Amino acid sequence: MKPRETRYVTPPTEALEPRCLLSAGGNIDTGFGDNGYLNGYRAEALLGGSIVAQKFSDGSQALASPDGKNVQPYSGPIPQPPPQNVQADGK
């Protein structure tokens, strides 16, 4: 009896859409916030281009401007992401 030949199937290659980095070379954008960081806060959500964040020290909410330079207290609701159309089995 002749042994079975093993065949491999190569999946088709998909072209990727054009992509760009937010800053050259993948480096942190030092023009944002405090030299690239929003120190002392954890980002929670986006609100019209601004960042809703939670302060590490006391848990209070803050709203950071799009450039991260201006952080103000925030007492409004935290925006929720839109629902996704995913089945229970994850497909």
N, C-alpha and C. Protein backbone atom coordinates (compact mmCIF):
# COMPACT_ATOMS: atom_id res chain seq x y z
N MET A 1 0.84 -1.18 0.00
CA MET A 1 0.00 0.00 0.00
C MET A 1 0.88 1.25 0.00
N LYS A 2 0.53 2.22 -0.81
CA LYS A 2 1.31 3.44 -0.96
C LYS A 2 0.97 4.43 0.16
N PRO A 3 1.98 5.10 0.81
CA PRO A 3 1.67 6.07 1.87
C PRO A 3 0.95 7.29 1.29
N ARG A 4 0.09 7.90 2.14
CA ARG A 4 -0.67 9.08 1.71
C ARG A 4 0.24 10.29 1.58
N GLU A 5 -0.01 11.07 0.59
CA GLU A 5 0.76 12.29 0.38
C GLU A 5 0.15 13.42 1.23
N THR A 6 1.01 14.15 1.93
CA THR A 6 0.54 15.27 2.75
C THR A 6 0.51 16.53 1.90
N ARG A 7 -0.63 17.19 1.92
CA ARG A 7 -0.77 18.43 1.16
C ARG A 7 -1.09 19.57 2.12
N TYR A 8 -0.51 20.70 1.85
CA TYR A 8 -0.75 21.88 2.66
C TYR A 8 -1.49 22.92 1.83
N VAL A 9 -2.46 23.54 2.44
CA VAL A 9 -3.25 24.56 1.74
C VAL A 9 -2.83 25.92 2.27
N THR A 10 -2.43 26.80 1.38
CA THR A 10 -2.04 28.15 1.76
C THR A 10 -3.27 29.05 1.67
N PRO A 11 -3.64 29.70 2.81
CA PRO A 11 -4.81 30.58 2.74
C PRO A 11 -4.53 31.79 1.86
N PRO A 12 -5.57 32.34 1.26
CA PRO A 12 -5.37 33.53 0.42
C PRO A 12 -4.87 34.71 1.27
N THR A 13 -4.05 35.52 0.67
CA THR A 13 -3.51 36.69 1.36
C THR A 13 -4.44 37.87 1.16
N GLU A 14 -4.72 38.57 2.26
CA GLU A 14 -5.58 39.75 2.19
C GLU A 14 -4.72 41.00 2.25
N ALA A 15 -5.05 41.99 1.44
CA ALA A 15 -4.33 43.26 1.48
C ALA A 15 -4.82 44.06 2.69
N LEU A 16 -3.90 44.67 3.41
CA LEU A 16 -4.25 45.50 4.56
C LEU A 16 -4.54 46.92 4.09
N GLU A 17 -5.46 47.57 4.79
CA GLU A 17 -5.74 48.97 4.47
C GLU A 17 -4.57 49.84 4.92
N PRO A 18 -4.42 51.03 4.35
CA PRO A 18 -3.32 51.91 4.77
C PRO A 18 -3.46 52.27 6.25
N ARG A 19 -2.37 52.31 6.94
CA ARG A 19 -2.37 52.65 8.36
C ARG A 19 -1.35 53.75 8.62
N CYS A 20 -1.56 54.49 9.70
CA CYS A 20 -0.59 55.50 10.07
C CYS A 20 -0.46 55.52 11.59
N LEU A 21 0.69 55.92 12.07
CA LEU A 21 0.94 56.03 13.50
C LEU A 21 0.56 57.42 13.97
N LEU A 22 0.17 57.53 15.23
CA LEU A 22 -0.20 58.83 15.76
C LEU A 22 1.01 59.74 15.89
N SER A 23 2.18 59.17 16.05
CA SER A 23 3.40 59.96 16.09
C SER A 23 4.49 59.22 15.33
N ALA A 24 5.44 59.94 14.80
CA ALA A 24 6.46 59.35 13.95
C ALA A 24 7.27 58.30 14.71
N GLY A 25 7.50 57.18 14.07
CA GLY A 25 8.35 56.15 14.64
C GLY A 25 7.74 55.37 15.78
N GLY A 26 6.45 55.55 16.06
CA GLY A 26 5.81 54.81 17.14
C GLY A 26 6.17 55.32 18.52
N ASN A 27 6.72 56.50 18.60
CA ASN A 27 7.10 57.07 19.89
C ASN A 27 5.91 57.78 20.54
N ILE A 28 5.98 57.96 21.84
CA ILE A 28 4.93 58.66 22.57
C ILE A 28 4.88 60.11 22.09
N ASP A 29 3.68 60.62 21.90
CA ASP A 29 3.49 62.01 21.48
C ASP A 29 3.72 62.91 22.70
N THR A 30 4.88 63.51 22.79
CA THR A 30 5.23 64.33 23.96
C THR A 30 4.45 65.63 24.03
N GLY A 31 3.70 65.97 22.97
CA GLY A 31 2.87 67.16 22.99
C GLY A 31 1.57 66.95 23.76
N PHE A 32 1.26 65.69 24.12
CA PHE A 32 0.04 65.39 24.86
C PHE A 32 0.30 65.44 26.36
N GLY A 33 -0.59 66.10 27.09
CA GLY A 33 -0.54 66.10 28.56
C GLY A 33 0.81 66.49 29.13
N ASP A 34 1.29 65.71 30.08
CA ASP A 34 2.57 65.94 30.75
C ASP A 34 3.64 65.09 30.08
N ASN A 35 4.25 65.61 29.04
CA ASN A 35 5.30 64.93 28.30
C ASN A 35 4.82 63.58 27.74
N GLY A 36 3.56 63.53 27.30
CA GLY A 36 3.02 62.33 26.68
C GLY A 36 2.12 61.50 27.57
N TYR A 37 1.99 61.87 28.83
CA TYR A 37 1.18 61.09 29.78
C TYR A 37 0.14 61.97 30.46
N LEU A 38 -0.93 61.35 30.90
CA LEU A 38 -1.93 62.01 31.73
C LEU A 38 -1.73 61.43 33.12
N ASN A 39 -0.73 61.93 33.83
CA ASN A 39 -0.29 61.37 35.10
C ASN A 39 -1.36 61.44 36.17
N GLY A 40 -1.52 60.34 36.90
CA GLY A 40 -2.46 60.28 38.01
C GLY A 40 -3.87 59.92 37.64
N TYR A 41 -4.14 59.60 36.38
CA TYR A 41 -5.49 59.30 35.92
C TYR A 41 -5.51 58.01 35.10
N ARG A 42 -6.67 57.36 35.09
CA ARG A 42 -6.90 56.19 34.24
C ARG A 42 -8.02 56.55 33.28
N ALA A 43 -7.80 56.38 32.00
CA ALA A 43 -8.81 56.71 30.99
C ALA A 43 -9.99 55.77 31.12
N GLU A 44 -11.19 56.34 31.07
CA GLU A 44 -12.43 55.58 31.19
C GLU A 44 -13.19 55.52 29.87
N ALA A 45 -13.27 56.65 29.17
CA ALA A 45 -14.08 56.72 27.94
C ALA A 45 -13.72 57.98 27.18
N LEU A 46 -14.25 58.09 25.97
CA LEU A 46 -14.11 59.30 25.16
C LEU A 46 -15.44 60.02 25.12
N LEU A 47 -15.37 61.33 25.17
CA LEU A 47 -16.58 62.15 25.12
C LEU A 47 -16.32 63.33 24.20
N GLY A 48 -16.78 63.22 22.96
CA GLY A 48 -16.61 64.29 22.00
C GLY A 48 -15.17 64.71 21.78
N GLY A 49 -14.25 63.77 21.76
CA GLY A 49 -12.84 64.07 21.56
C GLY A 49 -12.07 64.27 22.84
N SER A 50 -12.74 64.48 23.96
CA SER A 50 -12.09 64.62 25.25
C SER A 50 -12.03 63.26 25.94
N ILE A 51 -11.21 63.14 26.96
CA ILE A 51 -11.03 61.88 27.68
C ILE A 51 -11.68 61.98 29.05
N VAL A 52 -12.62 61.08 29.35
CA VAL A 52 -13.18 60.98 30.69
C VAL A 52 -12.24 60.05 31.45
N ALA A 53 -11.71 60.54 32.57
CA ALA A 53 -10.71 59.78 33.32
C ALA A 53 -11.08 59.70 34.79
N GLN A 54 -10.50 58.73 35.47
CA GLN A 54 -10.70 58.57 36.91
C GLN A 54 -9.37 58.83 37.60
N LYS A 55 -9.40 59.67 38.62
CA LYS A 55 -8.20 60.02 39.36
C LYS A 55 -7.82 58.86 40.28
N PHE A 56 -6.56 58.44 40.24
CA PHE A 56 -6.11 57.31 41.05
C PHE A 56 -6.24 57.59 42.54
N SER A 57 -5.90 58.80 42.98
CA SER A 57 -5.81 59.10 44.41
C SER A 57 -7.15 59.03 45.14
N ASP A 58 -8.22 59.54 44.52
CA ASP A 58 -9.50 59.56 45.25
C ASP A 58 -10.68 59.01 44.44
N GLY A 59 -10.46 58.55 43.23
CA GLY A 59 -11.52 57.96 42.42
C GLY A 59 -12.45 58.95 41.77
N SER A 60 -12.18 60.25 41.91
CA SER A 60 -13.05 61.25 41.30
C SER A 60 -12.89 61.25 39.78
N GLN A 61 -13.94 61.73 39.10
CA GLN A 61 -13.93 61.78 37.64
C GLN A 61 -13.37 63.12 37.16
N ALA A 62 -12.72 63.09 36.01
CA ALA A 62 -12.19 64.30 35.41
C ALA A 62 -12.38 64.22 33.90
N LEU A 63 -12.40 65.38 33.26
CA LEU A 63 -12.51 65.47 31.82
C LEU A 63 -11.26 66.18 31.30
N ALA A 64 -10.47 65.45 30.51
CA ALA A 64 -9.23 66.00 29.96
C ALA A 64 -9.47 66.46 28.53
N SER A 65 -8.92 67.61 28.19
CA SER A 65 -9.05 68.13 26.84
C SER A 65 -8.35 67.19 25.85
N PRO A 66 -8.66 67.29 24.56
CA PRO A 66 -8.04 66.39 23.58
C PRO A 66 -6.52 66.40 23.58
N ASP A 67 -5.91 67.53 23.96
CA ASP A 67 -4.45 67.57 24.00
C ASP A 67 -3.89 67.17 25.37
N GLY A 68 -4.76 66.88 26.34
CA GLY A 68 -4.33 66.44 27.66
C GLY A 68 -3.77 67.52 28.55
N LYS A 69 -3.80 68.76 28.11
CA LYS A 69 -3.20 69.85 28.89
C LYS A 69 -4.14 70.43 29.94
N ASN A 70 -5.45 70.33 29.70
CA ASN A 70 -6.43 70.92 30.60
C ASN A 70 -7.31 69.81 31.19
N VAL A 71 -7.27 69.62 32.51
CA VAL A 71 -8.07 68.59 33.17
C VAL A 71 -9.00 69.28 34.16
N GLN A 72 -10.31 69.05 33.98
CA GLN A 72 -11.33 69.67 34.82
C GLN A 72 -12.15 68.59 35.52
N PRO A 73 -12.70 68.87 36.70
CA PRO A 73 -13.60 67.91 37.35
C PRO A 73 -14.79 67.60 36.43
N TYR A 74 -15.28 66.38 36.50
CA TYR A 74 -16.39 65.95 35.65
C TYR A 74 -17.37 65.15 36.51
N SER A 75 -18.65 65.50 36.44
CA SER A 75 -19.65 64.78 37.24
C SER A 75 -20.74 64.16 36.39
N GLY A 76 -20.59 64.20 35.08
CA GLY A 76 -21.60 63.64 34.19
C GLY A 76 -21.46 62.13 34.05
N PRO A 77 -22.32 61.54 33.25
CA PRO A 77 -22.26 60.09 33.05
C PRO A 77 -21.05 59.70 32.21
N ILE A 78 -20.57 58.48 32.44
CA ILE A 78 -19.46 57.95 31.64
C ILE A 78 -20.07 57.32 30.40
N PRO A 79 -19.69 57.81 29.21
CA PRO A 79 -20.26 57.25 27.98
C PRO A 79 -19.95 55.76 27.87
N GLN A 80 -20.94 55.00 27.45
CA GLN A 80 -20.76 53.56 27.25
C GLN A 80 -20.51 53.29 25.77
N PRO A 81 -19.69 52.29 25.46
CA PRO A 81 -19.47 51.97 24.04
C PRO A 81 -20.76 51.45 23.42
N PRO A 82 -20.92 51.62 22.12
CA PRO A 82 -22.14 51.12 21.47
C PRO A 82 -22.19 49.60 21.54
N PRO A 83 -23.39 49.02 21.57
CA PRO A 83 -23.49 47.57 21.61
C PRO A 83 -22.92 46.95 20.35
N GLN A 84 -22.34 45.78 20.51
CA GLN A 84 -21.79 45.08 19.36
C GLN A 84 -22.68 43.90 19.00
N ASN A 85 -22.76 43.62 17.74
CA ASN A 85 -23.59 42.53 17.25
C ASN A 85 -22.78 41.23 17.26
N VAL A 86 -22.67 40.62 18.45
CA VAL A 86 -21.92 39.39 18.60
C VAL A 86 -22.85 38.33 19.18
N GLN A 87 -22.84 37.15 18.60
CA GLN A 87 -23.67 36.07 19.10
C GLN A 87 -23.12 35.51 20.41
N ALA A 88 -23.92 34.73 21.10
CA ALA A 88 -23.51 34.17 22.37
C ALA A 88 -22.27 33.27 22.25
N ASP A 89 -22.07 32.66 21.08
CA ASP A 89 -20.92 31.79 20.89
C ASP A 89 -19.68 32.57 20.44
N GLY A 90 -19.77 33.92 20.40
CA GLY A 90 -18.62 34.75 20.06
C GLY A 90 -18.40 34.95 18.58
N LYS A 91 -19.29 34.48 17.75
CA LYS A 91 -19.10 34.61 16.29
C LYS A 91 -19.86 35.78 15.75
